[in-house]
Structure formats: structure tokens, C-alpha cells
């Protein structure tokens, strides 16, 4: 089996219509949304998305939601979201996990469900509370607690307490485990350092990219671009002021302040810092999707259409290059070229990762030796990339980001009266997803 058949591009005919979308504000973990588990964030997004087009929950045939961290008390969090949002109990729901691409995967699976005729109108999206990812006990501590639970007498219990050690109370952050790839042994930041080294991407260039992400996001906020995208969370729920704005962008961010931050993944020789990486974030996104034909029959004006998607695999140590492999497959499968797309969204997991993708796509040597292309994919102008900012400023709630990219890109095309868009992201574990989206 060759590479082209292992990772192919899928074209949708008729295209999938994205008819509505809303999301919660994106907030750094342990902040204003910390008390809301993923299911509550998802319910907010679903309800507001339906309200946007005056659609009742009973009109949803099925719900597919992405989520990565796994809510402890909601194993199939999509089902919980569906029921708590008022979708009838005879409508099925399931959760998908393709790591960072889970939000996109929900839309892909929704398109497959529609094509097979199982449902007509779906709610897709993603929800993640990274604040509520639990802390774990180490193996020695777990064994101690199990013995304590099984102890029959007070004598046995007192004996066990005498064996208790301070190390038993040192927690293991599950989020740290989740952000480390078990195959290559590197956490996601370390894979960004690999790319920075491979492509000789300087610390200064990364910090400049990060600063621009904040600048563009703040400008978009000032213009009101995100107002119709983000739902309002009332003060009754937050316990303080109402919230309808992403809280990650830094108005006082400067190259000087970024330059003072120390590398966190390679202490002595690294270039990746918290300032040129995306923050750990809470948030949820909802999208109502259906076939273009169904939207027309219902008299709904879609935000836009999904024409094709591709999923590709790559080296887990260089997972940040996933968009390059996926975009290559998408272009090959659609006979399009990079310059056909007027706006592009590539998720900003790390500045080094996005910059490596840009360098790889325009490199004749990389494209020939790694992708087998006779010509480079092409050079992507920065004024067409993430024009309203990206995850370095907004944040990256892993299960929801893919859906956010779709929603933001379609709205950006509408805002600028453009038509063709490309959305892509890298995926922990060494994958990439790319989507061809069209406004009209």
C-alpha cells in the first residue's frame, strides 16, 4: 500500500453545509471557566448555536463532539451534552478523539453520517475543560490506598498509616502525561524544539510571530470581529462579571517581555517558551451541519461549505509538520494549488511549529525528498494566514480547536468578502488534517 492510498483526500459531493456556529469564550485553564466541566461548556455552545438560527433541540438528529481529556464523570461526554442541551433521548450521540483535530473529526464524521443516510441534521463541535483534568496518584500511592480500603481491622489500618510517606501525596498531573507522546517519548513542546532545530528557526522569529498573533487578535476584538462568534456567559454563572471575550490576548505584550521568558523544554539551548506557545485553555464550540441540499430545502443560508478534507500521518517527533502532509494530500486530491486559497488557518500550537510548516511548504528540497513533489507546495503570504490571530493568543482547548478554526475561517471569509479558505492543524502523535472550505 503506497502513501497516497494510506492518506487520501475525500471530496464531498454535494458539499457539507455549515449553517450555524457559536463558541464559548476561550479562557486560560484555572481561570474564569475553571469550575465548568466539559459537558457544561458543550451545553452552552449547543444551545447558543441552535438559538442563532431559531432551531429547536428536537430538530437535531444526532450529535458528534470532540473531546480529548476525558471527563471523569461523563465517559461519553457527547451524549451528556446532547441530553442536557434538550436534544431528545432517542437521538444518538458519540464522542470522538483525534487529539488536537477532534473538533474537525466531529465534522468529518458528521459528513460521513449524512452521506450514509443515518441522519440529516447534526450538531458537531468540541468541548474541553483542561482546568478539570485530574491529578493522579503514583503507583505506590495507589497500592497504599487499595490496601487501606481492604483493611479489615483498626490494627491493620494503623499499620498502613505507619507506612505512609510524603511521596505518596505528590500528584502526577494527567495533563502532563496527555501532552507527552508515548511512542517517541517527547512532549509536544519538545517536538516543537525538534522543528526549530530542523529548520533553524530562531527564538527572535518565534517571538515575532507570537507578538503578531496577539496584535491581530486584539485588533479583531477591537473591530468586533468575534462578537457574533462568541456566546455570552452571564455573571450569575461566572460568579462575577458577564463574559463574552477571549481572555488570552495580552494588550501589553512586547518583544522585550517575550524575550525575558526562559525556554521551558530545553533549558539551556531551547527557543520555545510559554510566550511563543499556545496556552492550556478551556472552551467549547458548536456547529450545525447538514448537506447543501438539506440547507436549501430548509431555506437556511449556510456560513459556508466543506468541499474536501484530508488526513495524513507523519513522524511523531515532528508532529507539528502534520499540516504540510495533510495540505499536500488535499491539493493532490482536489487538483488545487495553495494560491487558490484566499485565507488560511493553521493552528498555532507553537510559533516554531507554524513557521516550520511555512518553511517546509516553500522548500523545494523538502517537498521533493519527503513528499515526492516535483515543485514546492508554495509560499503562503503571512497576510493571508490567521488574519484574526491564532491559538498563541486565543488558546487551544484541544477537543474544540478544530471546530473553532472552521467557524473562524468561514466568518473571516464573510468579513472580507472572500470565498476560498483552507484550515489545517497538527495533531499530537504525528498526524495532520486539512479542509477546503468555501463561503459561497
Protein backbone atom coordinates (compact mmCIF):
# COMPACT_ATOMS: atom_id res chain seq x y z
CA UNK A 1 0.00 0.00 0.00
CA UNK A 2 1.56 3.31 -1.02
CA UNK A 3 1.34 6.63 0.80
CA UNK A 4 -1.37 8.04 -1.47
CA UNK A 5 -3.79 5.25 -0.54
CA UNK A 6 -2.94 5.30 3.16
CA UNK A 7 -3.69 9.01 3.49
CA UNK A 8 -6.18 10.14 0.88
CA UNK A 9 -8.25 13.21 0.21
CA UNK A 10 -12.04 12.86 0.45
CA UNK A 11 -14.23 15.09 -1.72
CA UNK A 12 -17.83 15.77 -0.72
CA UNK A 13 -20.46 15.96 -3.46
CA UNK A 14 -22.74 17.60 -2.55
CA UNK A 15 -20.66 19.60 -0.08
CA UNK A 16 -21.41 19.71 3.62
CA UNK A 17 -23.13 22.92 4.71
CA UNK A 18 -22.11 24.57 7.98
CA UNK A 19 -25.23 26.58 8.74
CA UNK A 20 -24.54 27.94 12.24
CA UNK A 21 -21.82 28.13 14.83
CA UNK A 22 -21.17 29.54 18.28
CA UNK A 23 -18.49 29.07 20.87
CA UNK A 24 -17.76 29.94 24.44
CA UNK A 25 -15.03 32.44 25.21
CA UNK A 26 -11.65 30.72 25.28
CA UNK A 27 -10.06 31.17 28.70
CA UNK A 28 -6.74 30.02 30.09
CA UNK A 29 -7.07 26.97 32.30
CA UNK A 30 -7.66 27.60 36.00
CA UNK A 31 -9.23 30.92 35.15
CA UNK A 32 -12.79 32.21 34.72
CA UNK A 33 -14.16 28.93 33.30
CA UNK A 34 -12.29 26.58 35.62
CA UNK A 35 -15.41 25.45 37.50
CA UNK A 36 -17.24 24.40 34.32
CA UNK A 37 -16.64 20.81 33.21
CA UNK A 38 -16.56 20.00 29.50
CA UNK A 39 -20.20 18.92 29.37
CA UNK A 40 -21.41 22.28 30.75
CA UNK A 41 -19.26 24.19 28.28
CA UNK A 42 -20.61 21.99 25.49
CA UNK A 43 -24.22 22.59 26.52
CA UNK A 44 -23.66 26.35 26.35
CA UNK A 45 -22.25 26.06 22.83
CA UNK A 46 -25.02 23.76 21.60
CA UNK A 47 -27.85 25.89 22.97
CA UNK A 48 -26.49 29.15 21.60
CA UNK A 49 -25.74 27.61 18.20
CA UNK A 50 -29.34 26.41 17.92
CA UNK A 51 -30.66 29.79 19.06
CA UNK A 52 -28.63 31.50 16.35
CA UNK A 53 -30.90 30.01 13.66
CA UNK A 54 -34.06 29.58 15.78
CA UNK A 55 -33.72 25.81 15.67
CA UNK A 56 -35.22 23.59 18.35
CA UNK A 57 -33.17 20.82 20.00
CA UNK A 58 -35.66 18.26 18.65
CA UNK A 59 -34.59 19.16 15.11
CA UNK A 60 -31.11 17.69 15.71
CA UNK A 61 -30.94 14.08 14.53
CA UNK A 62 -27.54 13.26 16.03
CA UNK A 63 -24.67 14.89 17.90
CA UNK A 64 -20.94 14.27 17.46
CA UNK A 65 -18.50 16.12 19.71
CA UNK A 66 -14.75 16.05 20.08
CA UNK A 67 -13.12 15.82 23.47
CA UNK A 68 -9.65 14.63 24.40
CA UNK A 69 -9.00 14.80 28.13
CA UNK A 70 -11.99 12.68 29.12
CA UNK A 71 -14.38 13.98 31.75
CA UNK A 72 -14.21 11.62 34.71
CA UNK A 73 -17.96 11.54 35.37
CA UNK A 74 -19.06 11.60 31.70
CA UNK A 75 -17.38 8.82 29.74
CA UNK A 76 -19.34 9.65 26.57
CA UNK A 77 -19.44 13.39 27.12
CA UNK A 78 -21.21 13.99 23.79
CA UNK A 79 -24.24 12.04 24.99
CA UNK A 80 -24.33 14.01 28.22
CA UNK A 81 -24.09 17.28 26.30
CA UNK A 82 -26.90 16.25 23.96
CA UNK A 83 -29.33 15.30 26.72
CA UNK A 84 -28.55 18.29 28.91
CA UNK A 85 -28.98 20.60 25.92
CA UNK A 86 -32.51 19.24 25.41
CA UNK A 87 -31.91 17.03 22.39
CA UNK A 88 -34.46 14.15 22.65
CA UNK A 89 -33.20 10.95 24.22
CA UNK A 90 -33.97 8.89 21.12
CA UNK A 91 -31.26 10.85 19.22
CA UNK A 92 -27.87 9.23 19.47
CA UNK A 93 -24.56 10.93 20.28
CA UNK A 94 -20.92 9.93 20.47
CA UNK A 95 -17.57 11.44 21.36
CA UNK A 96 -14.57 11.46 19.02
CA UNK A 97 -10.89 11.83 19.83
CA UNK A 98 -8.26 12.59 17.20
CA UNK A 99 -6.28 14.58 19.72
CA UNK A 100 -5.89 18.21 18.55
CA UNK A 101 -8.05 17.55 15.47
CA UNK A 102 -11.05 16.21 17.41
CA UNK A 103 -13.20 19.24 16.56
CA UNK A 104 -12.50 18.71 12.86
CA UNK A 105 -13.03 14.98 13.25
CA UNK A 106 -16.54 15.65 14.57
CA UNK A 107 -17.37 17.46 11.32
CA UNK A 108 -15.77 14.73 9.22
CA UNK A 109 -17.81 12.06 10.99
CA UNK A 110 -20.95 14.18 10.65
CA UNK A 111 -20.40 14.31 6.88
CA UNK A 112 -19.98 10.53 6.77
CA UNK A 113 -23.18 10.01 8.77
CA UNK A 114 -25.09 12.27 6.39
CA UNK A 115 -23.68 10.52 3.32
CA UNK A 116 -24.72 7.11 4.60
CA UNK A 117 -28.23 8.43 5.26
CA UNK A 118 -28.29 7.83 9.00
CA UNK A 119 -29.21 11.43 9.81
CA UNK A 120 -29.86 14.73 8.06
CA UNK A 121 -29.16 17.44 10.63
CA UNK A 122 -26.26 17.11 13.05
CA UNK A 123 -24.65 19.10 15.79
CA UNK A 124 -20.87 18.81 15.63
CA UNK A 125 -18.15 20.53 17.63
CA UNK A 126 -15.94 20.00 20.62
CA UNK A 127 -15.58 20.77 24.31
CA UNK A 128 -12.61 20.73 26.65
CA UNK A 129 -12.07 21.73 30.24
CA UNK A 130 -8.33 21.50 30.65
CA UNK A 131 -8.75 23.02 34.12
CA UNK A 132 -10.51 19.88 35.25
CA UNK A 133 -8.01 17.32 34.01
CA UNK A 134 -7.35 15.36 37.22
CA UNK A 135 -4.16 14.85 39.17
CA UNK A 136 -3.25 11.20 39.63
CA UNK A 137 -1.61 9.27 42.44
CA UNK A 138 1.60 7.44 41.63
CA UNK A 139 1.62 3.64 41.58
CA UNK A 140 2.99 3.30 45.11
CA UNK A 141 0.29 5.60 46.48
CA UNK A 142 -2.46 3.78 44.59
CA UNK A 143 -1.30 0.47 46.05
CA UNK A 144 -1.35 2.01 49.55
CA UNK A 145 -4.92 3.30 49.16
CA UNK A 146 -6.09 -0.07 47.84
CA UNK A 147 -4.63 -1.80 50.89
CA UNK A 148 -6.30 0.77 53.14
CA UNK A 149 -9.67 0.14 51.51
CA UNK A 150 -9.32 -3.61 52.02
CA UNK A 151 -8.04 -3.41 55.60
CA UNK A 152 -10.49 -5.14 57.94
CA UNK A 153 -9.38 -4.02 61.38
CA UNK A 154 -8.19 -0.81 63.01
CA UNK A 155 -4.90 -2.56 63.75
CA UNK A 156 -4.33 -3.21 60.04
CA UNK A 157 -5.25 0.38 59.20
CA UNK A 158 -2.89 1.82 61.82
CA UNK A 159 -0.12 -0.38 60.46
CA UNK A 160 -0.72 1.00 56.99
CA UNK A 161 -0.68 4.60 58.24
CA UNK A 162 2.76 3.96 59.66
CA UNK A 163 3.88 3.14 56.11
CA UNK A 164 2.58 6.42 54.70
CA UNK A 165 5.29 8.62 53.16
CA UNK A 166 5.31 12.24 51.90
CA UNK A 167 5.96 10.98 48.36
CA UNK A 168 2.55 9.35 48.38
CA UNK A 169 0.99 12.80 48.25
CA UNK A 170 2.96 14.01 45.25
CA UNK A 171 0.39 14.07 42.41
CA UNK A 172 1.03 13.12 38.81
CA UNK A 173 -0.60 15.75 36.51
CA UNK A 174 -2.61 13.82 33.93
CA UNK A 175 -2.33 16.74 31.53
CA UNK A 176 1.44 16.34 31.58
CA UNK A 177 1.05 12.70 30.62
CA UNK A 178 -1.51 13.57 27.94
CA UNK A 179 0.80 16.10 26.31
CA UNK A 180 3.61 13.56 26.05
CA UNK A 181 3.67 11.14 23.15
CA UNK A 182 4.29 7.61 24.49
CA UNK A 183 5.78 6.38 21.21
CA UNK A 184 8.52 8.95 20.67
CA UNK A 185 8.78 9.92 24.34
CA UNK A 186 8.65 13.67 23.67
CA UNK A 187 6.10 16.13 24.96
CA UNK A 188 4.55 18.49 22.44
CA UNK A 189 6.88 21.36 23.31
CA UNK A 190 9.90 19.13 22.77
CA UNK A 191 8.61 18.25 19.29
CA UNK A 192 8.47 21.99 18.58
CA UNK A 193 12.10 22.26 19.61
CA UNK A 194 12.94 19.49 17.12
CA UNK A 195 11.36 21.55 14.32
CA UNK A 196 13.06 24.75 15.44
CA UNK A 197 16.36 22.91 15.13
CA UNK A 198 15.49 21.17 11.85
CA UNK A 199 14.51 24.41 10.13
CA UNK A 200 16.89 26.73 12.00
CA UNK A 201 14.04 28.87 13.37
CA UNK A 202 15.43 31.47 15.73
CA UNK A 203 13.98 32.50 19.07
CA UNK A 204 13.52 36.03 17.75
CA UNK A 205 11.49 34.84 14.76
CA UNK A 206 9.25 32.78 17.05
CA UNK A 207 8.70 35.71 19.40
CA UNK A 208 7.87 38.00 16.48
CA UNK A 209 5.27 35.50 15.28
CA UNK A 210 3.78 35.27 18.77
CA UNK A 211 3.62 39.05 19.13
CA UNK A 212 1.80 39.29 15.79
CA UNK A 213 -0.72 36.70 16.94
CA UNK A 214 -1.60 38.87 19.92
CA UNK A 215 -1.67 42.03 17.79
CA UNK A 216 -4.06 40.52 15.24
CA UNK A 217 -6.31 39.03 17.90
CA UNK A 218 -6.57 42.32 19.78
CA UNK A 219 -7.30 44.19 16.56
CA UNK A 220 -10.04 41.67 15.71
CA UNK A 221 -11.53 42.15 19.18
CA UNK A 222 -11.46 45.92 18.82
CA UNK A 223 -13.21 45.69 15.46
CA UNK A 224 -15.86 43.41 16.97
CA UNK A 225 -15.00 40.53 14.66
CA UNK A 226 -15.52 37.90 17.35
CA UNK A 227 -18.74 39.38 18.75
CA UNK A 228 -21.08 37.18 16.71
CA UNK A 229 -18.88 34.12 17.20
CA UNK A 230 -18.68 34.10 20.99
CA UNK A 231 -21.65 33.50 23.27
CA UNK A 232 -22.31 35.44 26.43
CA UNK A 233 -21.83 33.70 29.81
CA UNK A 234 -23.84 35.57 32.39
CA UNK A 235 -22.45 36.89 35.63
CA UNK A 236 -24.77 34.52 37.50
CA UNK A 237 -22.76 31.63 36.07
CA UNK A 238 -19.28 33.12 36.28
CA UNK A 239 -19.84 34.44 39.79
CA UNK A 240 -18.51 37.81 38.74
CA UNK A 241 -18.87 39.87 35.56
CA UNK A 242 -20.51 38.57 32.36
CA UNK A 243 -18.01 37.05 29.96
CA UNK A 244 -18.08 37.33 26.15
CA UNK A 245 -14.44 37.76 25.22
CA UNK A 246 -11.40 35.53 24.90
CA UNK A 247 -9.11 36.29 27.82
CA UNK A 248 -5.80 35.10 26.40
CA UNK A 249 -4.68 38.09 24.28
CA UNK A 250 -2.18 40.34 26.04
CA UNK A 251 -2.57 44.05 25.38
CA UNK A 252 0.83 44.80 26.89
CA UNK A 253 2.76 42.09 25.06
CA UNK A 254 6.10 43.27 23.66
CA UNK A 255 9.21 41.73 22.17
CA UNK A 256 11.04 42.79 25.31
CA UNK A 257 8.65 40.94 27.62
CA UNK A 258 8.68 37.87 25.36
CA UNK A 259 12.46 37.95 25.31
CA UNK A 260 12.67 37.71 29.10
CA UNK A 261 10.91 34.34 29.18
CA UNK A 262 13.11 31.31 29.64
CA UNK A 263 12.89 28.20 27.41
CA UNK A 264 10.82 25.52 29.13
CA UNK A 265 11.53 22.36 27.15
CA UNK A 266 15.28 22.65 26.54
CA UNK A 267 16.57 24.64 29.48
CA UNK A 268 19.99 25.57 28.12
CA UNK A 269 19.70 25.58 24.34
CA UNK A 270 15.96 25.83 23.69
CA UNK A 271 13.92 28.53 21.96
CA UNK A 272 10.34 27.52 22.80
CA UNK A 273 8.81 29.45 25.71
CA UNK A 274 5.37 29.90 27.22
CA UNK A 275 5.22 33.17 25.29
CA UNK A 276 5.60 31.63 21.82
CA UNK A 277 3.40 28.61 22.61
CA UNK A 278 -0.36 28.31 22.93
CA UNK A 279 -1.73 28.33 26.49
CA UNK A 280 -3.68 25.45 28.05
CA UNK A 281 -7.29 26.52 27.65
CA UNK A 282 -10.96 25.82 28.41
CA UNK A 283 -13.69 26.22 25.79
CA UNK A 284 -16.34 24.67 23.55
CA UNK A 285 -17.67 25.12 20.01
CA UNK A 286 -20.93 24.05 18.38
CA UNK A 287 -21.68 23.75 14.65
CA UNK A 288 -24.95 22.79 12.96
CA UNK A 289 -24.17 20.87 9.79
CA UNK A 290 -26.23 19.25 7.02
CA UNK A 291 -25.98 18.60 3.31
CA UNK A 292 -26.14 21.59 1.00
CA UNK A 293 -29.37 20.17 -0.42
CA UNK A 294 -30.98 19.95 3.02
CA UNK A 295 -29.97 23.51 3.83
CA UNK A 296 -31.53 24.72 0.59
CA UNK A 297 -34.76 22.83 1.27
CA UNK A 298 -34.97 24.34 4.74
CA UNK A 299 -34.30 27.85 3.46
CA UNK A 300 -31.13 28.20 5.53
CA UNK A 301 -28.22 30.33 4.42
CA UNK A 302 -25.03 28.47 5.38
CA UNK A 303 -21.95 30.14 6.78
CA UNK A 304 -20.13 28.09 4.19
CA UNK A 305 -19.38 24.65 2.83
CA UNK A 306 -16.87 21.87 3.33
CA UNK A 307 -15.79 20.57 -0.08
CA UNK A 308 -12.94 18.23 0.80
CA UNK A 309 -10.73 17.05 3.64
CA UNK A 310 -7.56 15.05 4.06
CA UNK A 311 -5.91 13.28 6.96
CA UNK A 312 -2.23 12.35 6.90
CA UNK A 313 0.31 10.73 9.19
CA UNK A 314 3.89 11.82 9.91
CA UNK A 315 6.77 11.28 12.33
CA UNK A 316 5.50 11.75 15.92
CA UNK A 317 8.77 13.55 16.77
CA UNK A 318 7.83 16.11 14.13
CA UNK A 319 4.09 16.10 14.65
CA UNK A 320 3.99 19.85 14.03
CA UNK A 321 4.55 19.23 10.32
CA UNK A 322 1.19 17.45 10.10
CA UNK A 323 -0.43 20.35 8.19
CA UNK A 324 2.20 20.08 5.44
CA UNK A 325 1.43 16.41 4.82
CA UNK A 326 -2.34 16.96 5.00
CA UNK A 327 -2.28 20.03 2.74
CA UNK A 328 -0.18 18.09 0.23
CA UNK A 329 -2.82 15.36 0.13
CA UNK A 330 -5.64 17.88 -0.13
CA UNK A 331 -4.06 19.69 -3.06
CA UNK A 332 -3.26 16.42 -4.80
CA UNK A 333 -6.81 15.14 -4.35
CA UNK A 334 -8.56 18.33 -5.46
CA UNK A 335 -6.18 19.50 -8.21
CA UNK A 336 -5.97 22.84 -6.44
CA UNK A 337 -2.85 24.85 -5.66
CA UNK A 338 -2.01 26.75 -2.50
CA UNK A 339 -2.58 30.13 -4.17
CA UNK A 340 -6.22 29.20 -4.84
CA UNK A 341 -6.97 29.78 -1.15
CA UNK A 342 -7.54 33.39 -0.14
CA UNK A 343 -7.37 32.83 3.61
CA UNK A 344 -5.67 30.06 5.58
CA UNK A 345 -5.92 28.98 9.20
CA UNK A 346 -3.13 26.84 10.65
CA UNK A 347 -3.47 26.22 14.36
CA UNK A 348 -0.76 27.90 16.37
CA UNK A 349 0.26 25.13 18.73
CA UNK A 350 3.73 26.68 18.76
CA UNK A 351 5.23 29.51 16.76
CA UNK A 352 8.10 27.21 15.78
CA UNK A 353 5.64 24.62 14.50
CA UNK A 354 3.71 27.01 12.22
CA UNK A 355 6.92 28.60 10.95
CA UNK A 356 8.34 25.14 10.21
CA UNK A 357 5.23 24.35 8.17
CA UNK A 358 5.64 27.55 6.16
CA UNK A 359 9.33 26.81 5.56
CA UNK A 360 8.66 23.20 4.58
CA UNK A 361 5.91 24.10 2.10
CA UNK A 362 8.13 26.52 0.22
CA UNK A 363 11.21 24.29 0.32
CA UNK A 364 11.89 22.54 -2.99
CA UNK A 365 14.22 20.10 -1.25
CA UNK A 366 11.75 19.14 1.50
CA UNK A 367 8.82 18.80 -0.89
CA UNK A 368 10.82 16.62 -3.28
CA UNK A 369 12.66 14.42 -0.79
CA UNK A 370 9.85 14.00 1.76
CA UNK A 371 6.63 14.48 -0.21
CA UNK A 372 7.82 13.34 -3.63
CA UNK A 373 6.65 16.57 -5.27
CA UNK A 374 8.43 17.97 -8.29
CA UNK A 375 7.53 21.51 -7.19
CA UNK A 376 7.15 23.04 -3.72
CA UNK A 377 3.67 23.33 -2.28
CA UNK A 378 4.20 27.06 -2.33
CA UNK A 379 4.84 30.13 -0.23
CA UNK A 380 1.99 31.26 1.98
CA UNK A 381 1.85 35.05 2.45
CA UNK A 382 1.60 35.95 6.13
CA UNK A 383 -1.17 38.45 5.37
CA UNK A 384 -3.41 35.50 4.42
CA UNK A 385 -2.59 33.36 7.46
CA UNK A 386 -4.57 33.53 10.73
CA UNK A 387 -5.69 37.04 9.90
CA UNK A 388 -7.65 37.44 13.14
CA UNK A 389 -4.98 35.96 15.37
CA UNK A 390 -4.47 32.40 16.48
CA UNK A 391 -4.05 30.00 19.35
CA UNK A 392 -0.93 31.62 20.77
CA UNK A 393 -3.24 34.46 21.79
CA UNK A 394 -6.64 32.74 21.84
CA UNK A 395 -5.65 29.41 23.38
CA UNK A 396 -6.09 25.80 22.34
CA UNK A 397 -8.78 23.72 24.12
CA UNK A 398 -7.66 20.59 22.29
CA UNK A 399 -11.03 18.93 21.66
CA UNK A 400 -12.64 22.15 20.41
CA UNK A 401 -9.96 23.95 18.40
CA UNK A 402 -10.60 22.17 15.10
CA UNK A 403 -14.22 23.31 15.12
CA UNK A 404 -13.11 26.82 16.08
CA UNK A 405 -10.81 27.00 13.05
CA UNK A 406 -13.72 26.12 10.75
CA UNK A 407 -16.03 28.69 12.31
CA UNK A 408 -13.46 31.49 12.45
CA UNK A 409 -12.27 30.89 8.89
CA UNK A 410 -15.77 30.95 7.39
CA UNK A 411 -16.58 34.13 9.29
CA UNK A 412 -13.30 35.71 8.18
CA UNK A 413 -14.14 34.94 4.55
CA UNK A 414 -17.52 36.59 5.02
CA UNK A 415 -15.98 39.57 6.79
CA UNK A 416 -13.56 40.19 3.92
CA UNK A 417 -15.94 39.14 1.14
CA UNK A 418 -13.62 36.34 0.04
CA UNK A 419 -14.57 32.83 -0.95
CA UNK A 420 -11.89 30.13 -0.68
CA UNK A 421 -10.41 29.00 2.61
CA UNK A 422 -8.03 26.34 3.90
CA UNK A 423 -7.99 25.16 7.53
CA UNK A 424 -5.38 22.82 8.95
CA UNK A 425 -3.74 21.74 12.17
CA UNK A 426 -1.11 19.43 13.55
CA UNK A 427 -2.06 16.50 15.75
CA UNK A 428 -0.18 15.06 18.70
CA UNK A 429 1.08 11.61 17.80
CA UNK A 430 2.07 12.63 14.29
CA UNK A 431 -0.96 13.43 12.13
CA UNK A 432 -2.39 16.37 10.24
CA UNK A 433 -5.84 17.35 8.96
CA UNK A 434 -6.68 19.86 6.23
CA UNK A 435 -10.02 21.13 4.95
CA UNK A 436 -11.11 23.03 1.85
CA UNK A 437 -13.86 25.44 2.90
CA UNK A 438 -15.86 27.81 0.71
CA UNK A 439 -18.10 30.68 1.72
CA UNK A 440 -20.46 30.93 -1.25
